[in-house]
Amino acid sequence: MKFISLALLLAILVFGCTTSTFADSIPITNPSFETTNPLNFSCGVGCAYNNGPIPGWTTTGGQQGSFQPGTAGFFTSPVPDGSIVAYSNGGKFSQTLSATLSPNATYTLSLDVGRRVDTGMTNFMIELFAGNTLLSSLTVSNSTIAPGSFAPELLTFTAGANPLTGNLGIAFVNPSPIPAQVNYDNVALNVTPVPEPGSLALLATGLGLAFFVLRRR
């Protein structure tokens, strides 16, 4: 009976220390670019595109828009989410979110990046902002992506006890001049609280108590 009570106590301690670490999803408007203005231009079998704008996103520089690859042979793997992706021939996609930074929390920005079979090598950047302040960025070459496929990319940032103010913002940049095309899909931003030292100490105490009692049995 004592062992059962101890096990129950330990389970409560573990649950209390770990539930606060579950990730929450931060809302993003049109995260997979499925909401479009009319796709007015044909590009092959089941393929269509437009030159933007893209609902929910701000585009600057270069040429960007929505792209439905269809079965025209631009990709050998399926679109990660839905049937439409964003394309960028230079310039920047960005979106200001409704959320702000929370203290002691880790943010993970994820997306799928595509490289067409007929596209050359180029660099692109993933950026996370608080207001006008750049929190973290990642520069990646699409040479790491097999032609005709999509690959996941991740950017992380951990806020301290006194985070910056201002709404969170995300951006994807395909630098000019005349870069190869980059395709984007399935954008997500998750936040995970970092366990406080006091919670970890409580868990360690509980584990130590359980070990002590079991040793005396």
Protein backbone atom coordinates (compact mmCIF):
# COMPACT_ATOMS: atom_id res chain seq x y z
CA MET A 1 0.00 0.00 0.00
CA LYS A 2 2.86 2.35 0.86
CA PHE A 3 4.51 1.53 -2.45
CA ILE A 4 1.30 2.35 -4.36
CA SER A 5 0.95 5.68 -2.53
CA LEU A 6 4.56 6.51 -3.26
CA ALA A 7 4.14 5.64 -6.93
CA LEU A 8 1.05 7.86 -7.10
CA LEU A 9 2.90 10.75 -5.47
CA LEU A 10 5.79 10.36 -7.87
CA ALA A 11 3.45 10.30 -10.85
CA ILE A 12 1.84 13.55 -9.68
CA LEU A 13 5.26 15.17 -9.33
CA VAL A 14 6.34 14.08 -12.78
CA PHE A 15 3.05 15.19 -14.33
CA GLY A 16 3.25 18.58 -12.63
CA CYS A 17 6.79 19.16 -13.87
CA THR A 18 6.20 18.09 -17.44
CA THR A 19 2.76 19.42 -18.38
CA SER A 20 4.13 22.95 -18.48
CA THR A 21 6.54 21.89 -21.23
CA PHE A 22 3.85 20.98 -23.78
CA ALA A 23 4.12 23.02 -27.00
CA ASP A 24 1.39 25.43 -28.08
CA SER A 25 0.79 26.45 -31.67
CA ILE A 26 0.81 30.17 -32.49
CA PRO A 27 -1.80 31.10 -35.14
CA ILE A 28 -0.48 31.94 -38.60
CA THR A 29 -2.76 33.25 -41.35
CA ASN A 30 -2.80 31.07 -44.47
CA PRO A 31 0.14 28.91 -43.28
CA SER A 32 0.09 26.55 -46.27
CA PHE A 33 -0.86 29.18 -48.88
CA GLU A 34 -4.06 27.32 -49.82
CA THR A 35 -6.06 30.57 -49.75
CA THR A 36 -5.19 32.31 -53.01
CA ASN A 37 -6.12 35.01 -55.38
CA PRO A 38 -7.17 33.45 -58.71
CA LEU A 39 -4.49 31.26 -60.28
CA ASN A 40 -4.63 32.91 -63.68
CA PHE A 41 -1.65 31.48 -65.51
CA SER A 42 -1.26 27.95 -66.84
CA CYS A 43 2.08 26.13 -66.56
CA GLY A 44 1.29 22.58 -67.67
CA VAL A 45 -0.95 19.65 -66.75
CA GLY A 46 -2.92 20.61 -63.64
CA CYS A 47 -0.46 23.42 -63.03
CA ALA A 48 -1.39 27.05 -62.38
CA TYR A 49 0.10 30.09 -60.70
CA ASN A 50 -0.36 33.80 -60.06
CA ASN A 51 1.98 36.68 -59.34
CA GLY A 52 0.42 37.44 -55.96
CA PRO A 53 -0.57 38.98 -53.72
CA ILE A 54 -0.96 36.11 -51.26
CA PRO A 55 -3.72 36.55 -48.63
CA GLY A 56 -2.27 37.00 -45.13
CA TRP A 57 1.29 37.64 -46.33
CA THR A 58 3.26 40.75 -47.24
CA THR A 59 5.60 40.38 -50.21
CA THR A 60 8.35 42.82 -51.13
CA GLY A 61 10.96 42.82 -53.87
CA GLY A 62 11.44 40.26 -56.60
CA GLN A 63 8.46 38.24 -57.82
CA GLN A 64 6.31 36.07 -55.55
CA GLY A 65 2.98 34.33 -55.77
CA SER A 66 1.00 31.12 -55.38
CA PHE A 67 1.89 27.99 -57.34
CA GLN A 68 -0.09 24.78 -57.91
CA PRO A 69 2.48 22.34 -59.35
CA GLY A 70 -0.11 19.79 -60.50
CA THR A 71 1.44 16.94 -62.48
CA ALA A 72 3.53 19.13 -64.75
CA GLY A 73 6.79 17.57 -63.57
CA PHE A 74 8.20 20.39 -61.45
CA PHE A 75 8.31 18.12 -58.37
CA THR A 76 8.80 14.38 -58.00
CA SER A 77 7.38 14.38 -54.46
CA PRO A 78 3.91 15.59 -53.37
CA VAL A 79 3.23 19.00 -51.90
CA PRO A 80 3.64 18.66 -48.08
CA ASP A 81 0.25 20.19 -47.16
CA GLY A 82 -2.61 20.72 -49.60
CA SER A 83 -1.95 21.34 -53.30
CA ILE A 84 -0.54 24.87 -53.40
CA VAL A 85 2.81 26.34 -52.36
CA ALA A 86 4.27 29.83 -52.39
CA TYR A 87 7.03 30.66 -54.84
CA SER A 88 9.69 33.35 -54.65
CA ASN A 89 11.95 34.58 -57.40
CA GLY A 90 13.76 36.96 -55.10
CA GLY A 91 12.40 39.23 -52.40
CA LYS A 92 10.70 38.55 -49.09
CA PHE A 93 7.59 36.94 -47.59
CA SER A 94 6.62 38.22 -44.14
CA GLN A 95 3.76 38.18 -41.66
CA THR A 96 3.16 39.96 -38.35
CA LEU A 97 1.46 37.68 -35.83
CA SER A 98 -0.95 38.45 -33.00
CA ALA A 99 1.27 36.82 -30.34
CA THR A 100 4.08 38.42 -28.35
CA LEU A 101 7.09 36.86 -26.66
CA SER A 102 6.50 34.97 -23.42
CA PRO A 103 9.25 34.82 -20.79
CA ASN A 104 11.33 31.66 -20.47
CA ALA A 105 9.93 30.01 -23.58
CA THR A 106 11.42 28.37 -26.67
CA TYR A 107 9.98 29.21 -30.09
CA THR A 108 10.32 26.84 -33.04
CA LEU A 109 9.57 28.13 -36.53
CA SER A 110 9.18 25.29 -39.05
CA LEU A 111 8.36 25.07 -42.73
CA ASP A 112 8.86 22.87 -45.77
CA VAL A 113 11.07 24.27 -48.52
CA GLY A 114 10.90 22.98 -52.08
CA ARG A 115 13.43 22.88 -54.92
CA ARG A 116 12.02 22.41 -58.40
CA VAL A 117 13.70 19.92 -60.73
CA ASP A 118 14.54 22.79 -63.09
CA THR A 119 15.84 25.20 -60.42
CA GLY A 120 19.49 25.99 -59.78
CA MET A 121 21.20 26.57 -56.45
CA THR A 122 20.45 29.61 -54.29
CA ASN A 123 20.41 30.68 -50.65
CA PHE A 124 17.38 31.65 -48.61
CA MET A 125 16.91 32.99 -45.08
CA ILE A 126 14.39 32.24 -42.33
CA GLU A 127 13.84 35.02 -39.79
CA LEU A 128 11.96 35.50 -36.49
CA PHE A 129 11.23 38.99 -35.13
CA ALA A 130 9.80 40.70 -32.06
CA GLY A 131 8.57 44.03 -33.34
CA ASN A 132 11.39 45.36 -35.51
CA THR A 133 14.08 43.40 -33.65
CA LEU A 134 15.52 40.33 -35.33
CA LEU A 135 15.56 37.54 -32.73
CA SER A 136 17.11 34.77 -34.80
CA SER A 137 17.85 33.92 -38.41
CA LEU A 138 19.02 30.95 -40.43
CA THR A 139 20.66 31.03 -43.87
CA VAL A 140 20.28 27.83 -45.87
CA SER A 141 21.32 26.72 -49.36
CA ASN A 142 18.77 24.83 -51.42
CA SER A 143 21.70 22.69 -52.61
CA THR A 144 20.94 20.53 -49.55
CA ILE A 145 17.47 19.77 -50.99
CA ALA A 146 17.19 17.05 -53.64
CA PRO A 147 15.83 18.51 -56.91
CA GLY A 148 12.10 17.89 -57.20
CA SER A 149 11.54 17.47 -53.45
CA PHE A 150 10.74 19.34 -50.24
CA ALA A 151 12.77 19.39 -47.01
CA PRO A 152 11.85 20.58 -43.50
CA GLU A 153 13.70 23.56 -42.02
CA LEU A 154 13.70 24.68 -38.37
CA LEU A 155 14.63 27.91 -36.60
CA THR A 156 14.60 28.10 -32.79
CA PHE A 157 14.85 30.93 -30.27
CA THR A 158 14.64 30.90 -26.46
CA ALA A 159 13.37 34.01 -24.69
CA GLY A 160 14.78 35.01 -21.31
CA ALA A 161 13.02 36.17 -18.19
CA ASN A 162 12.55 39.70 -19.58
CA PRO A 163 11.70 39.27 -23.27
CA LEU A 164 11.44 42.06 -25.83
CA THR A 165 8.07 43.64 -26.49
CA GLY A 166 6.35 43.84 -29.84
CA ASN A 167 4.37 41.36 -31.89
CA LEU A 168 6.14 38.34 -33.26
CA GLY A 169 6.91 38.34 -36.96
CA ILE A 170 8.19 35.76 -39.41
CA ALA A 171 9.93 36.22 -42.76
CA PHE A 172 11.43 34.15 -45.58
CA VAL A 173 13.96 35.92 -47.77
CA ASN A 174 15.27 34.84 -51.16
CA PRO A 175 17.98 37.42 -51.88
CA SER A 176 18.38 39.18 -55.18
CA PRO A 177 19.78 39.61 -57.77
CA ILE A 178 18.16 37.01 -60.03
CA PRO A 179 18.09 34.08 -57.62
CA ALA A 180 16.78 30.65 -58.43
CA GLN A 181 13.20 30.00 -57.34
CA VAL A 182 12.43 28.82 -53.79
CA ASN A 183 9.07 27.28 -52.79
CA TYR A 184 7.53 27.40 -49.31
CA ASP A 185 4.76 25.40 -47.61
CA ASN A 186 3.38 24.21 -44.28
CA VAL A 187 4.57 27.06 -42.02
CA ALA A 188 4.17 26.63 -38.23
CA LEU A 189 5.36 28.41 -35.08
CA ASN A 190 5.25 26.57 -31.76
CA VAL A 191 6.13 27.79 -28.27
CA THR A 192 7.29 25.55 -25.41
CA PRO A 193 7.74 26.88 -21.84
CA VAL A 194 11.16 26.19 -20.34
CA PRO A 195 10.76 24.35 -16.97
CA GLU A 196 11.57 26.57 -14.01
CA PRO A 197 14.49 25.47 -11.79
CA GLY A 198 12.08 25.06 -8.88
CA SER A 199 10.03 22.51 -10.82
CA LEU A 200 13.13 20.51 -11.71
CA ALA A 201 14.24 20.59 -8.08
CA LEU A 202 10.83 19.28 -6.99
CA LEU A 203 11.09 16.43 -9.46
CA ALA A 204 14.61 15.58 -8.28
CA THR A 205 13.44 15.57 -4.65
CA GLY A 206 10.58 13.24 -5.48
CA LEU A 207 12.84 10.84 -7.33
CA GLY A 208 15.33 10.90 -4.47
CA LEU A 209 12.59 10.16 -1.94
CA ALA A 210 11.33 7.24 -4.01
CA PHE A 211 14.82 5.81 -4.30
CA PHE A 212 15.39 6.15 -0.52
CA VAL A 213 12.12 4.40 0.36
CA LEU A 214 12.71 1.58 -2.08
CA ARG A 215 16.21 1.02 -0.69
CA ARG A 216 14.73 0.60 2.82
CA ARG A 217 12.16 -1.98 1.74
